[in-house]
Amino acid sequence: MLQGFVQVALTLAILVATAPLLGRYMARVFLGQSTWLDKIARPLESLIFAGSGITKHPSMGATQYVSAVLISNLVMGFFVFLILMFQGSLPLNPTGLAAPSWDLALHTTISFVTNTNQQHYSGETTYTYFSQAGALGFLMFTSAATGIAVAIAFIRGLSGQAIGNFYQDLVLSITRILLPISLVGAILLLVAGVPETLAGPAQVTTLEGATQWIARGPVAHFEIIKELGENGGGFFGINSAHPFENPNNFANLLETVIMMVIPAGLIITYGIMAGNPKQGWLIFWMVFILYGILIAIAAVGEFQGNPLINQILGETQPNLEGKEVRFGWVLTALWAVSTTGTMCGAVNGMHDSLMPPGGFVTLSDLFLQIIWGGQGTGTAYLFVFLILTVFLTGLMVGRTPEFLGRKIEKREIVLASLILLIHPIAILIPTAITLAFPDTLAGISNPGFHGISQVAYEYASAAANNGSGFEGLADNTLWWNLSASFSLIAGRYVPIVALIFLADGMARKQPVPETSGTLHTDTTLFTGITAGAIIILGALTFLPILVLGPVAEAFNLV
């Protein structure tokens, strides 16, 4: 157990060392300051701007910004859908795969364009190299860049600046952040043993003399943006539990850190861009502490094992069911908390096999969306909770709430409430409908309380733009593909629209002079109140489904 927690401590130490460095770098990029990549990136950006017709416009208004996000995502999704439907006639198809069903192709397209990558298929048997690397891999970059651009626009608006130009921030997110890190990361994964080839499956003869085909493909560059962009969609069906995606402990460490470094760094970016680094660090440590607590809960649950199995063995044994022996119980628990906290969704073990504490933690991550949060948008959720906490504390002392020198009024609270309320709507309503027809709709493989968790997890994963699952559901059906698509769209675009209008409204407000009665939000006390508000609001919204799922399952095992 001690060795396991030493491994966790090492991972967290690397995160604490690297995230602030990237956070400061991202702040320089979006503040228009010089960086070491200028000489390489600027010619490429000029070529992209010239070829696409993008010019350095003044900042967009909220309506123009939202239109740019929605239209660009719609166009990209349309072309990717066509590629998937016609993949049988396109190149790089060594195994002769035909087109998937229209509803699966639609769900896959929506899933990847929303930065979710929820998969109702196995990649190596469903989509060609061209579909995976050319279409889905393209969306891994653009969907992640969309989230970063929206987060930067939100940060600007909160601090009183114009929200900026979506297309410029989209391009900068790719050329200055995602692409450079991906190039270096892909090379490291190649060195670690991850394949990168356009050759078809390898034919081998087993010890019994039978012929076996081993799937492979252009995995390394796909894998790195999968983690860095918090995409999570695996090239292979078993995702990062597959030795070609995650071959050893070095690759596992790299992929664990890389999935957290951008959302963690964006908190530091916020503090710099808002002119209040202290508040950025306080929020960073608040999330870090919550993250550490959740890791401990999940890891202890896996270490204690299954009580029913322990009774048979006569001793306590860690839960190794659903684990890769390369990583064991502790690194699987760490990965599970990290991937659901960051909305990455990649898995290096089967979440369906987690003990109830692990199921409780992963579901809680998906419900809260702030540990560390989704690519860009998760950072924005943190500040929505800050705004609500300012409002609540302002009511307590009878003062008009203010945040970063601007008043929080009815419009801001309505938009903030919409952002937080759409999440339970996109989860609980389709969950209730599905559970009402367990035989015809749900496709549950585990009866009882765990089956409730399976269904709730699938919709929570879709609404949170995460993509992981309590696998075991028969989810490649018309109902699951279409109902999950609703949660994907609602969970992604309703909050983005509300965030942009909230940010634009804050940017247009006149600053309020600071007085002796001004509530300072860059204090340890206020940060602690914010953490309490996050936990209380999350508990009030989702406690019933947690009690019916993992909590009841835990008591059922005793």
Protein backbone atom coordinates (compact mmCIF):
# COMPACT_ATOMS: atom_id res chain seq x y z
CA MET A 1 0.00 0.00 0.00
CA LEU A 2 2.82 2.40 0.86
CA GLN A 3 4.45 1.85 -2.53
CA GLY A 4 1.16 2.63 -4.23
CA PHE A 5 0.72 5.92 -2.45
CA VAL A 6 4.34 6.85 -3.20
CA GLN A 7 3.45 6.45 -6.89
CA VAL A 8 0.43 8.71 -6.41
CA ALA A 9 2.54 11.29 -4.58
CA LEU A 10 5.08 11.30 -7.43
CA THR A 11 2.34 11.92 -10.00
CA LEU A 12 0.88 14.76 -7.96
CA ALA A 13 4.31 16.32 -7.46
CA ILE A 14 4.94 16.33 -11.22
CA LEU A 15 1.52 17.93 -11.76
CA VAL A 16 2.22 20.68 -9.21
CA ALA A 17 5.57 21.35 -10.88
CA THR A 18 4.36 21.44 -14.49
CA ALA A 19 0.85 22.94 -14.37
CA PRO A 20 1.95 26.43 -13.21
CA LEU A 21 4.63 26.54 -15.92
CA LEU A 22 2.06 25.77 -18.60
CA GLY A 23 -0.42 28.14 -16.97
CA ARG A 24 1.99 31.05 -17.18
CA TYR A 25 2.86 30.13 -20.77
CA MET A 26 -0.83 30.05 -21.78
CA ALA A 27 -1.37 33.43 -20.17
CA ARG A 28 1.44 34.89 -22.29
CA VAL A 29 -0.06 33.35 -25.43
CA PHE A 30 -3.52 34.82 -24.92
CA LEU A 31 -2.25 38.15 -23.61
CA GLY A 32 -0.37 38.55 -26.89
CA GLN A 33 3.05 38.53 -25.24
CA SER A 34 6.15 37.02 -26.81
CA THR A 35 6.90 33.33 -26.30
CA TRP A 36 9.72 31.02 -27.35
CA LEU A 37 7.49 29.52 -30.07
CA ASP A 38 6.91 32.80 -31.93
CA LYS A 39 9.43 32.21 -34.71
CA ILE A 40 7.94 28.81 -35.52
CA ALA A 41 4.26 29.44 -34.85
CA ARG A 42 3.72 32.87 -36.38
CA PRO A 43 4.45 31.85 -40.00
CA LEU A 44 2.11 28.88 -39.60
CA GLU A 45 -0.61 31.06 -38.08
CA SER A 46 -0.24 33.64 -40.84
CA LEU A 47 -0.67 30.88 -43.41
CA ILE A 48 -3.79 29.59 -41.65
CA PHE A 49 -5.30 33.08 -41.32
CA ALA A 50 -4.56 33.91 -44.96
CA GLY A 51 -5.88 30.58 -46.27
CA SER A 52 -9.07 30.65 -44.19
CA GLY A 53 -9.88 34.32 -44.55
CA ILE A 54 -9.54 34.93 -40.81
CA THR A 55 -8.25 38.40 -40.08
CA LYS A 56 -7.41 40.01 -36.81
CA HIS A 57 -10.85 41.42 -36.16
CA PRO A 58 -11.72 43.37 -33.04
CA SER A 59 -13.36 41.37 -30.30
CA MET A 60 -16.62 39.65 -31.16
CA GLY A 61 -19.86 40.37 -29.37
CA ALA A 62 -21.59 37.57 -27.48
CA THR A 63 -24.01 36.70 -30.31
CA GLN A 64 -21.25 36.73 -32.92
CA TYR A 65 -18.98 34.60 -30.71
CA VAL A 66 -21.70 32.03 -30.01
CA SER A 67 -22.58 31.87 -33.71
CA ALA A 68 -18.93 31.26 -34.57
CA VAL A 69 -18.71 28.38 -32.08
CA LEU A 70 -21.94 26.71 -33.15
CA ILE A 71 -21.52 27.11 -36.91
CA SER A 72 -17.89 25.97 -36.94
CA ASN A 73 -18.73 22.92 -34.83
CA LEU A 74 -21.73 22.11 -37.03
CA VAL A 75 -19.69 22.29 -40.23
CA MET A 76 -16.87 20.16 -38.81
CA GLY A 77 -19.35 17.61 -37.52
CA PHE A 78 -21.15 17.41 -40.87
CA PHE A 79 -17.99 16.56 -42.80
CA VAL A 80 -16.84 14.02 -40.20
CA PHE A 81 -20.26 12.32 -40.34
CA LEU A 82 -19.90 12.01 -44.11
CA ILE A 83 -16.42 10.48 -43.73
CA LEU A 84 -17.75 7.88 -41.29
CA MET A 85 -20.69 6.99 -43.51
CA PHE A 86 -18.52 6.61 -46.62
CA GLN A 87 -15.43 5.12 -44.96
CA GLY A 88 -15.80 1.89 -46.95
CA SER A 89 -14.95 3.80 -50.13
CA LEU A 90 -12.13 5.88 -48.65
CA PRO A 91 -8.42 5.01 -48.35
CA LEU A 92 -6.50 3.62 -45.35
CA ASN A 93 -8.93 0.76 -44.79
CA PRO A 94 -6.67 -2.33 -44.65
CA THR A 95 -9.32 -4.56 -43.07
CA GLY A 96 -12.13 -3.57 -45.45
CA LEU A 97 -14.48 -2.11 -42.85
CA ALA A 98 -17.91 -0.98 -44.05
CA ALA A 99 -19.86 2.04 -42.83
CA PRO A 100 -21.43 1.87 -39.36
CA SER A 101 -25.17 2.35 -38.82
CA TRP A 102 -26.35 5.95 -39.23
CA ASP A 103 -27.26 6.31 -35.56
CA LEU A 104 -23.85 5.06 -34.39
CA ALA A 105 -22.09 7.39 -36.85
CA LEU A 106 -24.26 10.28 -35.63
CA HIS A 107 -23.56 9.53 -31.97
CA THR A 108 -19.82 9.18 -32.66
CA THR A 109 -19.71 12.49 -34.54
CA ILE A 110 -21.61 14.39 -31.86
CA SER A 111 -19.53 12.72 -29.18
CA PHE A 112 -16.21 13.78 -30.72
CA VAL A 113 -17.26 17.27 -31.80
CA THR A 114 -18.36 17.98 -28.21
CA ASN A 115 -14.98 16.83 -26.82
CA THR A 116 -16.67 13.85 -25.16
CA ASN A 117 -15.54 10.82 -27.20
CA GLN A 118 -18.14 8.53 -25.69
CA GLN A 119 -17.77 5.30 -27.61
CA HIS A 120 -20.54 2.82 -28.32
CA TYR A 121 -18.13 0.84 -30.49
CA SER A 122 -14.67 -0.75 -30.53
CA GLY A 123 -12.36 1.37 -32.63
CA GLU A 124 -10.27 -1.40 -34.20
CA THR A 125 -13.35 -3.25 -35.52
CA THR A 126 -15.60 -0.31 -36.45
CA TYR A 127 -13.64 2.62 -37.90
CA THR A 128 -10.84 2.71 -40.46
CA TYR A 129 -7.45 4.34 -40.04
CA PHE A 130 -8.71 7.25 -42.14
CA SER A 131 -11.84 7.66 -40.00
CA GLN A 132 -9.91 7.45 -36.73
CA ALA A 133 -6.81 9.49 -37.54
CA GLY A 134 -8.21 11.80 -40.21
CA ALA A 135 -11.72 12.51 -38.94
CA LEU A 136 -11.90 11.72 -35.23
CA GLY A 137 -8.30 12.79 -34.62
CA PHE A 138 -9.06 16.13 -36.32
CA LEU A 139 -11.99 16.69 -33.94
CA MET A 140 -9.78 15.85 -30.97
CA PHE A 141 -7.77 18.99 -31.73
CA THR A 142 -10.61 21.31 -32.68
CA SER A 143 -13.02 20.32 -29.89
CA ALA A 144 -10.29 20.76 -27.26
CA ALA A 145 -9.29 24.09 -28.79
CA THR A 146 -12.94 25.19 -28.73
CA GLY A 147 -13.08 24.55 -24.98
CA ILE A 148 -9.85 26.46 -24.35
CA ALA A 149 -11.04 29.41 -26.47
CA VAL A 150 -14.33 29.60 -24.56
CA ALA A 151 -12.50 29.48 -21.22
CA ILE A 152 -10.19 32.31 -22.28
CA ALA A 153 -13.17 34.38 -23.47
CA PHE A 154 -14.87 33.79 -20.12
CA ILE A 155 -11.77 34.80 -18.17
CA ARG A 156 -11.46 37.99 -20.22
CA GLY A 157 -15.08 38.90 -19.65
CA LEU A 158 -14.94 38.32 -15.89
CA SER A 159 -11.92 40.60 -15.60
CA GLY A 160 -13.58 43.39 -17.61
CA GLN A 161 -11.89 42.79 -20.96
CA ALA A 162 -13.55 42.23 -24.33
CA ILE A 163 -14.14 38.50 -24.83
CA GLY A 164 -11.95 38.27 -27.95
CA ASN A 165 -12.17 36.58 -31.34
CA PHE A 166 -13.13 32.90 -31.34
CA TYR A 167 -11.31 31.96 -34.52
CA GLN A 168 -8.05 33.54 -33.41
CA ASP A 169 -8.16 31.85 -30.01
CA LEU A 170 -9.07 28.53 -31.68
CA VAL A 171 -6.01 28.71 -33.93
CA LEU A 172 -3.71 29.84 -31.11
CA SER A 173 -4.93 26.99 -28.90
CA ILE A 174 -3.85 24.50 -31.55
CA THR A 175 -0.62 26.06 -32.84
CA ARG A 176 0.76 27.27 -29.49
CA ILE A 177 -0.51 24.63 -27.03
CA LEU A 178 -2.05 21.42 -28.37
CA LEU A 179 0.13 20.77 -31.42
CA PRO A 180 3.60 21.45 -29.88
CA ILE A 181 2.92 19.35 -26.78
CA SER A 182 1.38 16.60 -28.90
CA LEU A 183 4.44 16.40 -31.15
CA VAL A 184 6.79 15.95 -28.19
CA GLY A 185 4.38 13.63 -26.38
CA ALA A 186 3.85 11.40 -29.43
CA ILE A 187 7.61 10.93 -29.77
CA LEU A 188 7.85 9.97 -26.10
CA LEU A 189 5.05 7.45 -26.55
CA LEU A 190 6.80 6.01 -29.59
CA VAL A 191 9.92 5.55 -27.48
CA ALA A 192 7.78 3.89 -24.80
CA GLY A 193 6.49 1.33 -27.31
CA VAL A 194 3.22 2.77 -28.67
CA PRO A 195 2.93 1.89 -32.41
CA GLU A 196 2.55 4.40 -35.24
CA THR A 197 1.97 2.60 -38.52
CA LEU A 198 -0.39 2.48 -41.49
CA ALA A 199 0.22 -1.24 -41.98
CA GLY A 200 -2.71 -3.58 -41.48
CA PRO A 201 -3.12 -6.03 -38.60
CA ALA A 202 -0.12 -8.26 -37.90
CA GLN A 203 -0.51 -11.99 -38.53
CA VAL A 204 1.10 -14.26 -35.95
CA THR A 205 1.08 -17.95 -35.13
CA THR A 206 0.19 -18.81 -31.55
CA LEU A 207 1.89 -21.50 -29.43
CA GLU A 208 -1.01 -23.79 -30.26
CA GLY A 209 -0.35 -23.31 -33.98
CA ALA A 210 -3.44 -21.19 -34.64
CA THR A 211 -3.38 -17.97 -36.65
CA GLN A 212 -4.09 -14.73 -34.81
CA TRP A 213 -4.50 -11.20 -36.15
CA ILE A 214 -3.24 -8.38 -33.93
CA ALA A 215 -4.79 -4.97 -34.57
CA ARG A 216 -2.47 -1.97 -34.81
CA GLY A 217 -2.42 1.42 -36.53
CA PRO A 218 -1.35 5.08 -36.22
CA VAL A 219 -1.81 5.03 -32.45
CA ALA A 220 0.91 7.23 -30.90
CA HIS A 221 -0.21 10.60 -32.29
CA PHE A 222 -3.85 9.65 -31.65
CA GLU A 223 -3.10 8.66 -28.05
CA ILE A 224 -1.32 11.85 -27.02
CA ILE A 225 -4.06 14.25 -28.16
CA LYS A 226 -6.57 11.85 -26.64
CA GLU A 227 -5.09 12.61 -23.21
CA LEU A 228 -3.84 16.18 -23.72
CA GLY A 229 -7.12 17.39 -25.22
CA GLU A 230 -9.16 15.49 -22.62
CA ASN A 231 -10.81 13.60 -25.43
CA GLY A 232 -10.56 10.08 -24.08
CA GLY A 233 -11.68 8.13 -27.14
CA GLY A 234 -9.50 5.05 -27.54
CA PHE A 235 -8.05 3.78 -30.80
CA PHE A 236 -8.83 0.32 -29.40
CA GLY A 237 -11.95 -0.83 -27.63
CA ILE A 238 -10.34 -1.24 -24.20
CA ASN A 239 -8.75 2.20 -24.42
CA SER A 240 -5.64 2.88 -22.31
CA ALA A 241 -5.84 -0.59 -20.78
CA HIS A 242 -4.57 -1.83 -24.17
CA PRO A 243 -0.77 -2.36 -24.26
CA PHE A 244 -0.55 -0.59 -27.63
CA GLU A 245 -2.08 2.56 -26.10
CA ASN A 246 -0.44 2.36 -22.69
CA PRO A 247 2.38 -0.21 -22.64
CA ASN A 248 4.18 0.43 -19.35
CA ASN A 249 4.44 2.54 -16.21
CA PHE A 250 6.31 5.35 -17.97
CA ALA A 251 3.54 5.72 -20.55
CA ASN A 252 0.94 5.51 -17.79
CA LEU A 253 2.66 8.28 -15.79
CA LEU A 254 3.00 10.50 -18.86
CA GLU A 255 -0.63 10.02 -19.87
CA THR A 256 -1.92 10.60 -16.33
CA VAL A 257 -0.08 13.91 -15.96
CA ILE A 258 -0.77 15.07 -19.51
CA MET A 259 -4.55 14.74 -19.10
CA MET A 260 -4.49 17.09 -16.09
CA VAL A 261 -1.89 19.67 -17.03
CA ILE A 262 -4.03 21.99 -19.19
CA PRO A 263 -7.12 22.26 -16.92
CA ALA A 264 -4.88 22.65 -13.87
CA GLY A 265 -2.73 25.20 -15.69
CA LEU A 266 -5.75 27.22 -16.84
CA ILE A 267 -6.52 28.06 -13.20
CA ILE A 268 -3.12 29.74 -12.95
CA THR A 269 -3.76 31.38 -16.34
CA TYR A 270 -6.95 32.86 -14.91
CA GLY A 271 -5.13 34.40 -11.95
CA ILE A 272 -2.58 36.06 -14.24
CA MET A 273 -5.08 37.32 -16.84
CA ALA A 274 -7.44 38.60 -14.16
CA GLY A 275 -4.60 40.41 -12.41
CA ASN A 276 -5.07 38.37 -9.24
CA PRO A 277 -2.53 35.50 -9.11
CA LYS A 278 -3.29 34.93 -5.43
CA GLN A 279 -6.87 33.96 -6.18
CA GLY A 280 -5.70 31.65 -8.94
CA TRP A 281 -3.42 29.82 -6.53
CA LEU A 282 -6.11 29.60 -3.84
CA ILE A 283 -8.52 28.00 -6.33
CA PHE A 284 -5.76 25.68 -7.55
CA TRP A 285 -5.09 24.39 -4.04
CA MET A 286 -8.81 24.10 -3.28
CA VAL A 287 -9.27 21.80 -6.28
CA PHE A 288 -6.03 19.96 -5.48
CA ILE A 289 -7.21 19.16 -1.94
CA LEU A 290 -10.62 17.93 -3.16
CA TYR A 291 -8.83 15.87 -5.80
CA GLY A 292 -6.52 14.31 -3.20
CA ILE A 293 -9.45 13.40 -0.94
CA LEU A 294 -11.28 11.67 -3.79
CA ILE A 295 -8.13 9.74 -4.76
CA ALA A 296 -7.78 8.50 -1.18
CA ILE A 297 -11.43 7.35 -1.06
CA ALA A 298 -11.19 5.46 -4.34
CA ALA A 299 -7.76 3.94 -3.61
CA VAL A 300 -8.68 2.75 -0.10
CA GLY A 301 -11.86 1.22 -1.50
CA GLU A 302 -9.85 -0.78 -4.06
CA PHE A 303 -7.20 -1.75 -1.49
CA GLN A 304 -9.80 -3.11 0.94
CA GLY A 305 -11.22 -5.28 -1.82
CA ASN A 306 -14.57 -7.01 -2.09
CA PRO A 307 -15.92 -8.10 1.34
CA LEU A 308 -17.62 -11.14 -0.21
CA ILE A 309 -14.37 -12.34 -1.77
CA ASN A 310 -12.40 -11.55 1.39
CA GLN A 311 -14.74 -13.75 3.44
CA ILE A 312 -14.07 -16.67 1.11
CA LEU A 313 -10.29 -16.10 1.17
CA GLY A 314 -10.19 -15.47 4.90
CA GLU A 315 -8.02 -12.37 4.38
CA THR A 316 -8.19 -8.91 2.87
CA GLN A 317 -7.03 -8.72 -0.74
CA PRO A 318 -7.10 -5.66 -3.06
CA ASN A 319 -9.73 -5.68 -5.79
CA LEU A 320 -7.86 -6.67 -8.96
CA GLU A 321 -10.92 -7.55 -11.04
CA GLY A 322 -10.97 -5.33 -14.13
CA LYS A 323 -7.40 -4.12 -13.51
CA GLU A 324 -4.33 -4.33 -15.72
CA VAL A 325 -1.55 -6.03 -13.73
CA ARG A 326 0.89 -3.50 -15.20
CA PHE A 327 -0.77 -0.81 -13.07
CA GLY A 328 -2.56 -2.57 -10.22
CA TRP A 329 -5.20 -1.20 -7.90
CA VAL A 330 -3.63 2.12 -6.92
CA LEU A 331 -2.72 3.47 -10.36
CA THR A 332 -6.11 2.38 -11.66
CA ALA A 333 -7.80 4.30 -8.85
CA LEU A 334 -5.62 7.35 -9.51
CA TRP A 335 -6.40 7.22 -13.23
CA ALA A 336 -10.14 6.74 -12.62
CA VAL A 337 -10.35 9.85 -10.42
CA SER A 338 -8.17 11.85 -12.81
CA THR A 339 -10.01 10.91 -15.98
CA THR A 340 -13.47 11.63 -14.56
CA GLY A 341 -12.24 14.76 -12.79
CA THR A 342 -10.69 16.25 -15.92
CA MET A 343 -13.51 15.06 -18.21
CA CYS A 344 -10.95 13.12 -20.23
CA GLY A 345 -12.79 9.80 -20.15
CA ALA A 346 -9.87 7.53 -21.04
CA VAL A 347 -9.59 4.40 -18.89
CA ASN A 348 -6.69 2.13 -17.93
CA GLY A 349 -8.99 -0.28 -16.10
CA MET A 350 -12.70 -1.07 -16.16
CA HIS A 351 -14.74 1.41 -14.12
CA ASP A 352 -17.56 -1.13 -14.02
CA SER A 353 -15.25 -3.22 -11.80
CA LEU A 354 -14.55 -0.48 -9.27
CA MET A 355 -15.71 -1.04 -5.72
CA PRO A 356 -18.60 1.16 -4.54
CA PRO A 357 -16.28 3.90 -3.16
CA GLY A 358 -14.66 4.14 -6.60
CA GLY A 359 -18.07 4.28 -8.26
CA PHE A 360 -19.14 6.99 -5.80
CA VAL A 361 -16.04 9.06 -6.52
CA THR A 362 -16.16 8.78 -10.32
CA LEU A 363 -19.86 9.64 -10.41
CA SER A 364 -19.24 12.58 -8.06
CA ASP A 365 -16.51 13.85 -10.39
CA LEU A 366 -18.93 13.76 -13.31
CA PHE A 367 -21.65 15.50 -11.30
CA LEU A 368 -19.40 18.33 -10.01
CA GLN A 369 -17.28 18.86 -13.17
CA ILE A 370 -14.63 20.97 -11.42
CA ILE A 371 -11.88 18.49 -10.40
CA TRP A 372 -10.04 19.61 -12.54
CA GLY A 373 -12.87 20.11 -14.96
CA GLY A 374 -13.30 19.77 -18.71
CA GLN A 375 -10.96 21.22 -21.30
CA GLY A 376 -11.46 24.93 -20.68
CA THR A 377 -15.13 24.74 -19.82
CA GLY A 378 -14.40 23.05 -16.50
CA THR A 379 -12.31 26.05 -15.50
CA ALA A 380 -15.27 28.25 -16.35
CA TYR A 381 -17.53 26.11 -14.13
CA LEU A 382 -15.23 26.88 -11.21
CA PHE A 383 -15.82 30.59 -11.65
CA VAL A 384 -19.57 30.07 -12.00
CA PHE A 385 -19.45 28.53 -8.52
CA LEU A 386 -17.38 31.53 -7.38
CA ILE A 387 -20.05 33.89 -8.70
CA LEU A 388 -22.80 31.96 -6.91
CA THR A 389 -20.76 31.95 -3.69
CA VAL A 390 -20.27 35.71 -3.96
CA PHE A 391 -24.03 36.08 -4.42
CA LEU A 392 -24.84 33.87 -1.42
CA THR A 393 -22.34 35.56 0.90
CA GLY A 394 -23.53 38.97 -0.30
CA LEU A 395 -27.08 38.06 0.70
CA MET A 396 -25.85 36.98 4.13
CA VAL A 397 -24.33 40.38 4.92
CA GLY A 398 -26.91 42.48 3.07
CA ARG A 399 -24.61 43.87 0.37
CA THR A 400 -24.83 43.90 -3.40
CA PRO A 401 -22.51 41.07 -4.43
CA GLU A 402 -19.42 42.01 -6.45
CA PHE A 403 -16.83 39.90 -8.25
CA LEU A 404 -13.56 41.30 -9.62
CA GLY A 405 -14.89 44.82 -9.12
CA ARG A 406 -18.20 44.29 -10.97
CA LYS A 407 -21.67 43.83 -9.55
CA ILE A 408 -23.36 40.45 -9.72
CA GLU A 409 -27.00 41.07 -10.61
CA LYS A 410 -30.09 39.14 -11.71
CA ARG A 411 -28.86 38.44 -15.25
CA GLU A 412 -25.61 36.87 -14.05
CA ILE A 413 -27.38 34.67 -11.49
CA VAL A 414 -29.96 33.49 -14.06
CA LEU A 415 -27.20 32.52 -16.51
CA ALA A 416 -25.11 30.88 -13.77
CA SER A 417 -28.15 28.91 -12.60
CA LEU A 418 -28.87 27.80 -16.17
CA ILE A 419 -25.29 26.54 -16.52
CA LEU A 420 -25.59 24.44 -13.37
CA LEU A 421 -29.19 23.26 -13.88
CA ILE A 422 -28.83 21.96 -17.44
CA HIS A 423 -26.44 19.31 -16.13
CA PRO A 424 -28.93 17.45 -13.89
CA ILE A 425 -31.63 17.87 -16.55
CA ALA A 426 -29.43 16.16 -19.14
CA ILE A 427 -28.66 13.33 -16.69
CA LEU A 428 -31.64 12.65 -14.46
CA ILE A 429 -34.49 12.88 -16.98
CA PRO A 430 -33.08 10.39 -19.53
CA THR A 431 -31.90 8.17 -16.65
CA ALA A 432 -35.44 8.04 -15.25
CA ILE A 433 -36.92 7.24 -18.68
CA THR A 434 -34.38 4.49 -19.33
CA LEU A 435 -34.81 2.87 -15.91
CA ALA A 436 -38.60 2.94 -16.37
CA PHE A 437 -38.15 0.47 -19.25
CA PRO A 438 -35.24 -1.74 -18.14
CA ASP A 439 -36.02 -4.62 -20.47
CA THR A 440 -36.55 -2.65 -23.69
CA LEU A 441 -34.24 0.38 -23.30
CA ALA A 442 -31.60 0.03 -20.61
CA GLY A 443 -29.55 -2.99 -21.67
CA ILE A 444 -28.27 -3.37 -18.10
CA SER A 445 -25.84 -6.24 -17.53
CA ASN A 446 -25.82 -5.97 -13.72
CA PRO A 447 -29.10 -6.11 -11.79
CA GLY A 448 -29.88 -4.08 -8.71
CA PHE A 449 -28.05 -1.02 -7.45
CA HIS A 450 -25.08 -1.41 -9.76
CA GLY A 451 -27.41 -1.37 -12.75
CA ILE A 452 -28.74 2.02 -11.63
CA SER A 453 -25.14 3.28 -11.50
CA GLN A 454 -24.49 1.94 -14.99
CA VAL A 455 -27.36 3.92 -16.51
CA ALA A 456 -26.78 7.11 -14.51
CA TYR A 457 -23.05 6.97 -15.30
CA GLU A 458 -23.66 6.77 -19.06
CA TYR A 459 -25.78 9.92 -19.11
CA ALA A 460 -23.56 11.71 -16.58
CA SER A 461 -20.54 10.90 -18.75
CA ALA A 462 -22.33 12.28 -21.83
CA ALA A 463 -23.61 15.44 -20.13
CA ALA A 464 -20.21 16.13 -18.54
CA ASN A 465 -18.47 15.62 -21.91
CA ASN A 466 -16.39 12.88 -20.33
CA GLY A 467 -16.97 9.72 -22.36
CA SER A 468 -15.97 6.97 -19.93
CA GLY A 469 -18.53 4.37 -18.92
CA PHE A 470 -19.56 1.67 -16.52
CA GLU A 471 -19.16 -0.72 -19.41
CA GLY A 472 -21.47 -3.68 -19.64
CA LEU A 473 -24.41 -1.76 -21.07
CA ALA A 474 -25.75 -2.85 -24.43
CA ASP A 475 -25.37 0.75 -25.55
CA ASN A 476 -25.04 0.49 -29.34
CA THR A 477 -28.79 0.72 -29.87
CA LEU A 478 -30.99 3.37 -31.46
CA TRP A 479 -32.24 4.49 -28.04
CA TRP A 480 -28.82 4.82 -26.43
CA ASN A 481 -27.23 6.50 -29.46
CA LEU A 482 -29.98 9.12 -29.75
CA SER A 483 -30.72 9.72 -26.06
CA ALA A 484 -27.01 9.99 -25.22
CA SER A 485 -26.65 12.43 -28.14
CA PHE A 486 -29.23 14.67 -26.46
CA SER A 487 -27.18 14.70 -23.26
CA LEU A 488 -23.98 15.34 -25.25
CA ILE A 489 -25.41 18.38 -27.01
CA ALA A 490 -27.23 19.82 -23.98
CA GLY A 491 -24.24 19.31 -21.69
CA ARG A 492 -21.85 21.00 -24.12
CA TYR A 493 -23.56 23.84 -25.92
CA VAL A 494 -26.12 25.22 -23.46
CA PRO A 495 -23.38 25.98 -20.90
CA ILE A 496 -21.08 27.42 -23.61
CA VAL A 497 -23.79 29.82 -24.82
CA ALA A 498 -24.63 30.89 -21.27
CA LEU A 499 -20.94 31.29 -20.34
CA ILE A 500 -20.29 33.60 -23.30
CA PHE A 501 -23.30 35.79 -22.59
CA LEU A 502 -22.39 35.92 -18.90
CA ALA A 503 -18.81 36.90 -19.71
CA ASP A 504 -19.87 39.52 -22.25
CA GLY A 505 -22.30 41.04 -19.76
CA MET A 506 -19.61 41.24 -17.08
CA ALA A 507 -17.19 42.87 -19.53
CA ARG A 508 -19.72 45.65 -20.27
CA LYS A 509 -20.30 46.53 -16.61
CA GLN A 510 -18.70 49.59 -15.11
CA PRO A 511 -16.18 48.73 -12.38
CA VAL A 512 -17.27 49.44 -8.83
CA PRO A 513 -14.76 51.26 -6.59
CA GLU A 514 -13.45 49.13 -3.75
CA THR A 515 -14.60 50.16 -0.27
CA SER A 516 -14.02 48.94 3.27
CA GLY A 517 -17.10 46.73 2.89
CA THR A 518 -16.00 45.04 -0.33
CA LEU A 519 -15.93 41.26 -0.09
CA HIS A 520 -12.47 40.03 -1.01
CA THR A 521 -12.59 36.75 -2.92
CA ASP A 522 -8.85 36.09 -2.76
CA THR A 523 -8.84 34.87 0.83
CA THR A 524 -8.58 31.41 2.35
CA LEU A 525 -11.93 31.90 4.12
CA PHE A 526 -13.82 32.73 0.93
CA THR A 527 -12.15 29.85 -0.92
CA GLY A 528 -13.23 27.49 1.85
CA ILE A 529 -16.80 28.78 1.61
CA THR A 530 -16.66 28.19 -2.14
CA ALA A 531 -15.59 24.59 -1.60
CA GLY A 532 -18.48 24.12 0.82
CA ALA A 533 -20.94 25.63 -1.64
CA ILE A 534 -19.71 23.31 -4.41
CA ILE A 535 -20.13 20.22 -2.23
CA ILE A 536 -23.53 21.28 -0.85
CA LEU A 537 -24.98 22.18 -4.25
CA GLY A 538 -23.67 18.94 -5.72
CA ALA A 539 -25.07 16.91 -2.83
CA LEU A 540 -28.50 18.54 -2.97
CA THR A 541 -28.75 17.83 -6.69
CA PHE A 542 -27.31 14.35 -7.03
CA LEU A 543 -27.37 12.72 -3.59
CA PRO A 544 -30.48 10.60 -4.34
CA ILE A 545 -28.89 8.93 -7.38
CA LEU A 546 -25.66 8.35 -5.41
CA VAL A 547 -27.64 6.76 -2.56
CA LEU A 548 -29.59 4.52 -4.94
CA GLY A 549 -26.40 3.52 -6.77
CA PRO A 550 -22.95 3.15 -5.16
CA VAL A 551 -23.99 3.87 -1.55
CA ALA A 552 -26.71 1.22 -1.57
CA GLU A 553 -24.37 -1.18 -3.36
CA ALA A 554 -21.76 -0.69 -0.62
CA PHE A 555 -24.25 -1.54 2.14
CA ASN A 556 -25.46 -4.50 0.12
CA LEU A 557 -21.92 -5.98 0.17
CA VAL A 558 -21.54 -5.76 3.94
